């Protein structure tokens, strides 16, 4: 298996500002790993709401996270303003795999790279479902 490497800003199609908080730091003085996953979830859901028209709590088809990972290259600590880059690694008919790059404002390369996959599901039946058209259109624009 290849050793993970930091990525350049140019790799990402869209960026969101994410401020760190005092509570993000752990006893070692940097953001705890679980905080990164909250940032990833926040950025992806913001994209889905703003660009894809997702309506949490109302839409019958939802995306469930079925896989996730993160590679860490350099620590992040409060107080830092971060920029999370967003890109799509893979777009299928019923799932999407995201990649998120964590940058401090002045960074040219990632401090961390997160990945997760959403599988779309009909909440009522619990069965796999096609990505809703409005969300698919937003995803395709990010490719």
N, C-alpha and C. Protein backbone atom coordinates (compact mmCIF):
# COMPACT_ATOMS: atom_id res chain seq x y z
N UNK A 1 0.85 -1.18 0.00
CA UNK A 1 0.00 0.00 0.00
C UNK A 1 0.89 1.24 0.00
N UNK A 2 0.56 2.20 -0.84
CA UNK A 2 1.32 3.44 -0.95
C UNK A 2 1.14 4.30 0.30
N UNK A 3 2.19 4.98 0.67
CA UNK A 3 2.14 5.89 1.82
C UNK A 3 1.36 7.14 1.42
N UNK A 4 0.36 7.55 2.21
CA UNK A 4 -0.42 8.74 1.88
C UNK A 4 0.46 9.99 1.84
N UNK A 5 0.15 10.88 0.92
CA UNK A 5 0.90 12.13 0.75
C UNK A 5 -0.07 13.30 0.82
N UNK A 6 0.39 14.45 1.32
CA UNK A 6 -0.46 15.65 1.30
C UNK A 6 -0.81 16.03 -0.14
N UNK A 7 -1.92 16.73 -0.30
CA UNK A 7 -2.37 17.17 -1.62
C UNK A 7 -2.27 18.69 -1.73
N UNK A 8 -2.19 19.17 -2.94
CA UNK A 8 -2.14 20.60 -3.24
C UNK A 8 -3.55 21.18 -3.31
N UNK A 9 -3.66 22.48 -3.08
CA UNK A 9 -4.95 23.18 -3.15
C UNK A 9 -5.66 22.97 -4.49
N UNK A 10 -4.89 22.94 -5.57
CA UNK A 10 -5.47 22.84 -6.92
C UNK A 10 -6.31 21.58 -7.11
N UNK A 11 -6.12 20.62 -6.25
CA UNK A 11 -6.84 19.34 -6.36
C UNK A 11 -8.34 19.51 -6.06
N UNK A 12 -8.69 20.57 -5.32
CA UNK A 12 -10.06 20.73 -4.80
C UNK A 12 -10.84 21.78 -5.59
N UNK A 13 -12.11 21.46 -5.85
CA UNK A 13 -12.96 22.30 -6.68
C UNK A 13 -13.64 23.43 -5.92
N UNK A 14 -13.82 23.26 -4.63
CA UNK A 14 -14.61 24.21 -3.84
C UNK A 14 -14.05 24.24 -2.43
N UNK A 15 -14.08 25.42 -1.79
CA UNK A 15 -13.56 25.58 -0.43
C UNK A 15 -14.60 26.19 0.49
N UNK A 16 -14.58 25.76 1.74
CA UNK A 16 -15.42 26.32 2.79
C UNK A 16 -14.53 26.71 3.97
N UNK A 17 -14.80 27.89 4.55
CA UNK A 17 -14.11 28.32 5.76
C UNK A 17 -14.67 27.57 6.96
N UNK A 18 -13.78 27.11 7.82
CA UNK A 18 -14.17 26.40 9.04
C UNK A 18 -13.30 26.93 10.17
N UNK A 19 -13.88 27.66 11.13
CA UNK A 19 -13.07 28.13 12.26
C UNK A 19 -12.86 27.00 13.27
N UNK A 20 -11.68 26.96 13.86
CA UNK A 20 -11.48 26.03 14.97
C UNK A 20 -12.09 26.66 16.22
N UNK A 21 -12.36 25.84 17.21
CA UNK A 21 -12.92 26.29 18.49
C UNK A 21 -12.02 25.83 19.62
N UNK A 22 -12.10 26.50 20.73
CA UNK A 22 -11.34 26.12 21.92
C UNK A 22 -11.58 24.65 22.25
N UNK A 23 -12.81 24.22 22.16
CA UNK A 23 -13.17 22.84 22.51
C UNK A 23 -12.59 21.80 21.55
N UNK A 24 -12.09 22.23 20.39
CA UNK A 24 -11.52 21.28 19.43
C UNK A 24 -10.19 20.71 19.89
N UNK A 25 -9.44 21.48 20.68
CA UNK A 25 -8.12 21.03 21.14
C UNK A 25 -8.25 19.92 22.18
N UNK A 26 -7.36 18.96 22.09
CA UNK A 26 -7.33 17.91 23.11
C UNK A 26 -6.17 18.17 24.08
N UNK A 27 -5.90 17.24 24.94
CA UNK A 27 -4.87 17.40 25.97
C UNK A 27 -3.48 17.59 25.36
N UNK A 28 -3.31 17.19 24.10
CA UNK A 28 -2.02 17.34 23.42
C UNK A 28 -1.87 18.69 22.73
N UNK A 29 -2.91 19.53 22.80
CA UNK A 29 -2.84 20.89 22.25
C UNK A 29 -3.14 21.01 20.78
N UNK A 30 -3.74 19.98 20.20
CA UNK A 30 -4.17 20.08 18.80
C UNK A 30 -5.57 19.50 18.66
N UNK A 31 -6.18 19.75 17.50
CA UNK A 31 -7.55 19.28 17.27
C UNK A 31 -7.58 17.75 17.33
N UNK A 32 -8.52 17.24 18.10
CA UNK A 32 -8.69 15.80 18.25
C UNK A 32 -9.21 15.21 16.95
N UNK A 33 -8.84 13.96 16.66
CA UNK A 33 -9.23 13.33 15.40
C UNK A 33 -10.74 13.31 15.18
N UNK A 34 -11.52 13.15 16.21
CA UNK A 34 -12.97 13.10 16.03
C UNK A 34 -13.52 14.43 15.52
N UNK A 35 -12.85 15.53 15.82
CA UNK A 35 -13.27 16.86 15.37
C UNK A 35 -13.18 16.96 13.85
N UNK A 36 -12.18 16.33 13.26
CA UNK A 36 -12.04 16.37 11.80
C UNK A 36 -13.28 15.78 11.12
N UNK A 37 -13.79 14.69 11.68
CA UNK A 37 -14.97 14.06 11.09
C UNK A 37 -16.19 14.98 11.19
N UNK A 38 -16.30 15.74 12.25
CA UNK A 38 -17.39 16.73 12.36
C UNK A 38 -17.23 17.81 11.31
N UNK A 39 -15.99 18.26 11.08
CA UNK A 39 -15.76 19.25 10.02
C UNK A 39 -16.16 18.68 8.67
N UNK A 40 -15.78 17.45 8.38
CA UNK A 40 -16.11 16.84 7.10
C UNK A 40 -17.62 16.76 6.90
N UNK A 41 -18.31 16.29 7.92
CA UNK A 41 -19.76 16.16 7.86
C UNK A 41 -20.42 17.52 7.66
N UNK A 42 -19.93 18.54 8.34
CA UNK A 42 -20.47 19.89 8.23
C UNK A 42 -20.30 20.43 6.82
N UNK A 43 -19.12 20.29 6.26
CA UNK A 43 -18.84 20.82 4.92
C UNK A 43 -19.68 20.11 3.86
N UNK A 44 -19.72 18.79 3.89
CA UNK A 44 -20.48 18.05 2.89
C UNK A 44 -21.97 18.37 3.00
N UNK A 45 -22.51 18.40 4.22
CA UNK A 45 -23.93 18.71 4.36
C UNK A 45 -24.25 20.15 3.98
N UNK A 46 -23.33 21.07 4.25
CA UNK A 46 -23.54 22.45 3.79
C UNK A 46 -23.63 22.48 2.26
N UNK A 47 -22.72 21.76 1.59
CA UNK A 47 -22.76 21.68 0.14
C UNK A 47 -24.09 21.09 -0.34
N UNK A 48 -24.50 19.98 0.27
CA UNK A 48 -25.74 19.32 -0.16
C UNK A 48 -26.96 20.20 0.06
N UNK A 49 -26.97 20.97 1.13
CA UNK A 49 -28.09 21.88 1.41
C UNK A 49 -28.06 23.08 0.47
N UNK A 50 -26.92 23.75 0.39
CA UNK A 50 -26.82 24.99 -0.40
C UNK A 50 -26.85 24.74 -1.90
N UNK A 51 -26.15 23.72 -2.36
CA UNK A 51 -26.03 23.51 -3.81
C UNK A 51 -26.96 22.42 -4.33
N UNK A 52 -27.28 21.45 -3.46
CA UNK A 52 -28.10 20.33 -3.90
C UNK A 52 -29.55 20.40 -3.48
N UNK A 53 -29.91 21.42 -2.69
CA UNK A 53 -31.30 21.56 -2.27
C UNK A 53 -31.76 20.52 -1.28
N UNK A 54 -30.83 19.86 -0.60
CA UNK A 54 -31.20 18.85 0.39
C UNK A 54 -31.99 19.51 1.52
N UNK A 55 -33.04 18.81 1.99
CA UNK A 55 -33.87 19.31 3.09
C UNK A 55 -33.85 18.29 4.22
N UNK A 56 -32.89 18.46 5.14
CA UNK A 56 -32.80 17.50 6.25
C UNK A 56 -34.11 17.40 7.02
N UNK A 57 -34.50 16.18 7.31
CA UNK A 57 -35.74 15.96 8.05
C UNK A 57 -36.98 15.87 7.18
N UNK A 58 -36.85 16.19 5.88
CA UNK A 58 -38.01 16.17 4.98
C UNK A 58 -37.82 15.26 3.77
N UNK A 59 -36.60 15.15 3.29
CA UNK A 59 -36.37 14.38 2.07
C UNK A 59 -36.55 12.87 2.34
N UNK A 60 -37.24 12.18 1.43
CA UNK A 60 -37.44 10.73 1.61
C UNK A 60 -36.18 9.92 1.29
N UNK A 61 -35.30 10.46 0.42
CA UNK A 61 -34.06 9.79 0.07
C UNK A 61 -32.93 10.51 0.80
N UNK A 62 -32.13 9.76 1.55
CA UNK A 62 -31.05 10.35 2.35
C UNK A 62 -29.74 9.62 2.07
N UNK A 63 -28.64 10.30 2.35
CA UNK A 63 -27.33 9.69 2.21
C UNK A 63 -26.82 9.24 3.57
N UNK A 64 -26.49 7.97 3.67
CA UNK A 64 -25.90 7.42 4.89
C UNK A 64 -24.40 7.24 4.67
N UNK A 65 -23.59 7.63 5.64
CA UNK A 65 -22.16 7.40 5.56
C UNK A 65 -21.91 5.91 5.80
N UNK A 66 -21.28 5.28 4.81
CA UNK A 66 -21.03 3.83 4.91
C UNK A 66 -19.55 3.50 5.03
N UNK A 67 -18.69 4.50 4.81
CA UNK A 67 -17.25 4.31 4.97
C UNK A 67 -16.61 5.67 5.20
N UNK A 68 -15.54 5.69 6.02
CA UNK A 68 -14.83 6.94 6.25
C UNK A 68 -13.39 6.66 6.66
N UNK A 69 -12.52 7.64 6.38
CA UNK A 69 -11.12 7.54 6.78
C UNK A 69 -10.51 8.93 6.78
N UNK A 70 -9.33 9.04 7.40
CA UNK A 70 -8.60 10.30 7.41
C UNK A 70 -7.11 10.01 7.53
N UNK A 71 -6.33 10.72 6.71
CA UNK A 71 -4.88 10.69 6.82
C UNK A 71 -4.43 12.05 7.34
N UNK A 72 -3.58 12.05 8.35
CA UNK A 72 -3.13 13.28 9.02
C UNK A 72 -1.66 13.53 8.68
N UNK A 73 -1.35 14.79 8.30
CA UNK A 73 0.01 15.14 7.91
C UNK A 73 0.64 16.18 8.83
N UNK A 74 -0.16 17.09 9.37
CA UNK A 74 0.35 18.14 10.27
C UNK A 74 -0.81 18.55 11.19
N UNK A 75 -0.52 18.89 12.44
CA UNK A 75 -1.60 19.21 13.37
C UNK A 75 -2.28 20.56 13.08
N UNK A 76 -3.48 20.68 13.59
CA UNK A 76 -4.28 21.90 13.57
C UNK A 76 -4.61 22.22 15.01
N UNK A 77 -4.55 23.49 15.39
CA UNK A 77 -4.85 23.88 16.77
C UNK A 77 -5.70 25.15 16.79
N UNK A 78 -6.47 25.29 17.85
CA UNK A 78 -7.18 26.53 18.10
C UNK A 78 -6.15 27.56 18.56
N UNK A 79 -6.18 28.80 18.13
CA UNK A 79 -7.12 29.40 17.17
C UNK A 79 -6.54 29.42 15.76
N UNK A 80 -7.13 28.69 14.87
CA UNK A 80 -6.76 28.73 13.45
C UNK A 80 -8.04 28.79 12.63
N UNK A 81 -7.98 29.53 11.53
CA UNK A 81 -9.07 29.49 10.55
C UNK A 81 -8.64 28.48 9.50
N UNK A 82 -9.51 27.55 9.23
CA UNK A 82 -9.24 26.51 8.25
C UNK A 82 -10.04 26.75 6.98
N UNK A 83 -9.54 26.15 5.90
CA UNK A 83 -10.28 26.08 4.65
C UNK A 83 -10.33 24.61 4.28
N UNK A 84 -11.53 24.08 4.12
CA UNK A 84 -11.68 22.68 3.72
C UNK A 84 -12.04 22.63 2.25
N UNK A 85 -11.18 21.96 1.49
CA UNK A 85 -11.43 21.76 0.07
C UNK A 85 -12.28 20.53 -0.13
N UNK A 86 -13.16 20.61 -1.10
CA UNK A 86 -14.11 19.53 -1.36
C UNK A 86 -13.97 19.07 -2.80
N UNK A 87 -13.94 17.76 -2.97
CA UNK A 87 -13.95 17.17 -4.31
C UNK A 87 -14.64 15.82 -4.25
N UNK A 88 -15.01 15.34 -5.42
CA UNK A 88 -15.64 14.03 -5.52
C UNK A 88 -14.61 13.06 -6.08
N UNK A 89 -14.42 11.96 -5.36
CA UNK A 89 -13.52 10.90 -5.84
C UNK A 89 -14.22 9.97 -6.83
N UNK A 90 -15.49 9.69 -6.52
CA UNK A 90 -16.26 8.75 -7.35
C UNK A 90 -17.74 9.08 -7.23
N UNK A 91 -18.40 9.10 -8.37
CA UNK A 91 -19.84 9.33 -8.39
C UNK A 91 -20.50 8.16 -9.10
N UNK A 92 -21.34 7.43 -8.34
CA UNK A 92 -22.09 6.32 -8.91
C UNK A 92 -23.55 6.71 -9.06
N UNK A 93 -24.40 5.76 -9.35
CA UNK A 93 -25.83 6.05 -9.50
C UNK A 93 -26.53 6.14 -8.14
N UNK A 94 -25.96 5.44 -7.12
CA UNK A 94 -26.60 5.40 -5.81
C UNK A 94 -25.66 5.79 -4.68
N UNK A 95 -24.44 6.22 -5.02
CA UNK A 95 -23.48 6.60 -3.98
C UNK A 95 -22.50 7.63 -4.50
N UNK A 96 -21.88 8.33 -3.56
CA UNK A 96 -20.83 9.30 -3.90
C UNK A 96 -19.73 9.18 -2.86
N UNK A 97 -18.48 9.21 -3.34
CA UNK A 97 -17.32 9.20 -2.44
C UNK A 97 -16.67 10.57 -2.48
N UNK A 98 -16.55 11.17 -1.31
CA UNK A 98 -16.02 12.52 -1.14
C UNK A 98 -14.57 12.47 -0.70
N UNK A 99 -13.83 13.54 -1.04
CA UNK A 99 -12.52 13.77 -0.46
C UNK A 99 -12.50 15.21 0.03
N UNK A 100 -11.98 15.40 1.25
CA UNK A 100 -11.89 16.73 1.85
C UNK A 100 -10.47 17.01 2.27
N UNK A 101 -9.93 18.12 1.83
CA UNK A 101 -8.59 18.53 2.20
C UNK A 101 -8.66 19.60 3.27
N UNK A 102 -7.92 19.42 4.35
CA UNK A 102 -7.89 20.39 5.45
C UNK A 102 -6.65 21.26 5.28
N UNK A 103 -6.87 22.56 5.15
CA UNK A 103 -5.80 23.54 4.99
C UNK A 103 -5.94 24.62 6.04
N UNK A 104 -4.84 25.07 6.61
CA UNK A 104 -4.85 26.34 7.32
C UNK A 104 -4.84 27.40 6.21
N UNK A 105 -5.27 28.60 6.50
CA UNK A 105 -5.46 29.63 5.47
C UNK A 105 -4.22 29.82 4.60
N UNK A 106 -3.04 29.80 5.17
CA UNK A 106 -1.81 30.07 4.41
C UNK A 106 -1.21 28.81 3.78
N UNK A 107 -1.75 27.64 4.05
CA UNK A 107 -1.17 26.39 3.55
C UNK A 107 -1.38 26.20 2.06
N UNK A 108 -0.35 25.62 1.42
CA UNK A 108 -0.45 25.22 0.02
C UNK A 108 -0.75 23.73 -0.10
N UNK A 109 -0.46 22.97 0.98
CA UNK A 109 -0.74 21.54 1.00
C UNK A 109 -1.60 21.19 2.22
N UNK A 110 -2.24 20.06 2.13
CA UNK A 110 -3.18 19.63 3.17
C UNK A 110 -2.49 19.29 4.48
N UNK A 111 -3.18 19.61 5.56
CA UNK A 111 -2.78 19.14 6.89
C UNK A 111 -3.36 17.74 7.12
N UNK A 112 -4.49 17.48 6.47
CA UNK A 112 -5.16 16.17 6.58
C UNK A 112 -6.02 15.99 5.33
N UNK A 113 -6.30 14.75 5.00
CA UNK A 113 -7.24 14.42 3.92
C UNK A 113 -8.25 13.42 4.46
N UNK A 114 -9.51 13.80 4.38
CA UNK A 114 -10.60 12.92 4.81
C UNK A 114 -11.35 12.38 3.62
N UNK A 115 -11.91 11.20 3.82
CA UNK A 115 -12.72 10.58 2.76
C UNK A 115 -13.94 9.93 3.40
N UNK A 116 -15.06 10.05 2.73
CA UNK A 116 -16.19 9.21 3.13
C UNK A 116 -17.14 9.00 1.99
N UNK A 117 -17.92 7.96 2.11
CA UNK A 117 -18.87 7.56 1.07
C UNK A 117 -20.28 7.65 1.62
N UNK A 118 -21.13 8.32 0.85
CA UNK A 118 -22.57 8.35 1.12
C UNK A 118 -23.24 7.34 0.21
N UNK A 119 -24.02 6.43 0.77
CA UNK A 119 -24.91 5.55 0.00
C UNK A 119 -26.32 6.10 0.20
N UNK A 120 -27.04 6.31 -0.88
CA UNK A 120 -28.39 6.88 -0.79
C UNK A 120 -29.42 5.78 -0.57
N UNK A 121 -30.36 6.09 0.33
CA UNK A 121 -31.33 5.11 0.81
C UNK A 121 -32.71 5.75 0.89
N UNK A 122 -33.72 4.99 0.51
CA UNK A 122 -35.11 5.41 0.72
C UNK A 122 -35.43 5.13 2.19
N UNK A 123 -35.70 6.17 2.95
CA UNK A 123 -35.92 6.00 4.39
C UNK A 123 -37.10 5.08 4.70
N UNK A 124 -38.13 5.16 3.90
CA UNK A 124 -39.33 4.37 4.18
C UNK A 124 -39.08 2.88 4.00
N UNK A 125 -38.44 2.50 2.89
CA UNK A 125 -38.23 1.08 2.61
C UNK A 125 -36.91 0.56 3.18
N UNK A 126 -35.95 1.48 3.42
CA UNK A 126 -34.63 1.05 3.88
C UNK A 126 -33.77 0.49 2.76
N UNK A 127 -34.25 0.61 1.52
CA UNK A 127 -33.54 0.05 0.36
C UNK A 127 -32.69 1.12 -0.32
N UNK A 128 -31.68 0.66 -1.01
CA UNK A 128 -30.80 1.51 -1.80
C UNK A 128 -31.64 2.30 -2.80
N UNK A 129 -31.24 3.56 -3.06
CA UNK A 129 -32.01 4.42 -3.96
C UNK A 129 -31.06 5.25 -4.83
N UNK A 130 -31.56 5.68 -5.96
CA UNK A 130 -30.79 6.55 -6.85
C UNK A 130 -30.59 7.91 -6.17
N UNK A 131 -29.46 8.52 -6.46
CA UNK A 131 -29.20 9.88 -5.96
C UNK A 131 -30.28 10.79 -6.53
N UNK A 132 -30.96 11.59 -5.68
CA UNK A 132 -32.00 12.49 -6.19
C UNK A 132 -31.45 13.44 -7.25
N UNK A 133 -32.27 13.77 -8.28
CA UNK A 133 -31.80 14.58 -9.41
C UNK A 133 -31.16 15.92 -9.01
N UNK A 134 -31.74 16.62 -8.05
CA UNK A 134 -31.18 17.92 -7.66
C UNK A 134 -29.79 17.76 -7.03
N UNK A 135 -29.62 16.71 -6.27
CA UNK A 135 -28.31 16.46 -5.65
C UNK A 135 -27.32 15.97 -6.71
N UNK A 136 -27.77 15.11 -7.60
CA UNK A 136 -26.88 14.63 -8.67
C UNK A 136 -26.38 15.80 -9.52
N UNK A 137 -27.25 16.73 -9.82
CA UNK A 137 -26.84 17.90 -10.62
C UNK A 137 -25.74 18.70 -9.90
N UNK A 138 -25.90 18.90 -8.61
CA UNK A 138 -24.89 19.62 -7.82
C UNK A 138 -23.58 18.83 -7.79
N UNK A 139 -23.67 17.51 -7.62
CA UNK A 139 -22.48 16.67 -7.59
C UNK A 139 -21.74 16.71 -8.92
N UNK A 140 -22.47 16.61 -10.02
CA UNK A 140 -21.85 16.64 -11.35
C UNK A 140 -21.14 17.96 -11.60
N UNK A 141 -21.68 19.06 -11.08
CA UNK A 141 -21.05 20.36 -11.25
C UNK A 141 -19.73 20.46 -10.50
N UNK A 142 -19.53 19.60 -9.50
CA UNK A 142 -18.31 19.59 -8.69
C UNK A 142 -17.21 18.74 -9.33
N UNK A 143 -17.58 17.90 -10.29
CA UNK A 143 -16.59 17.03 -10.95
C UNK A 143 -15.61 17.82 -11.79
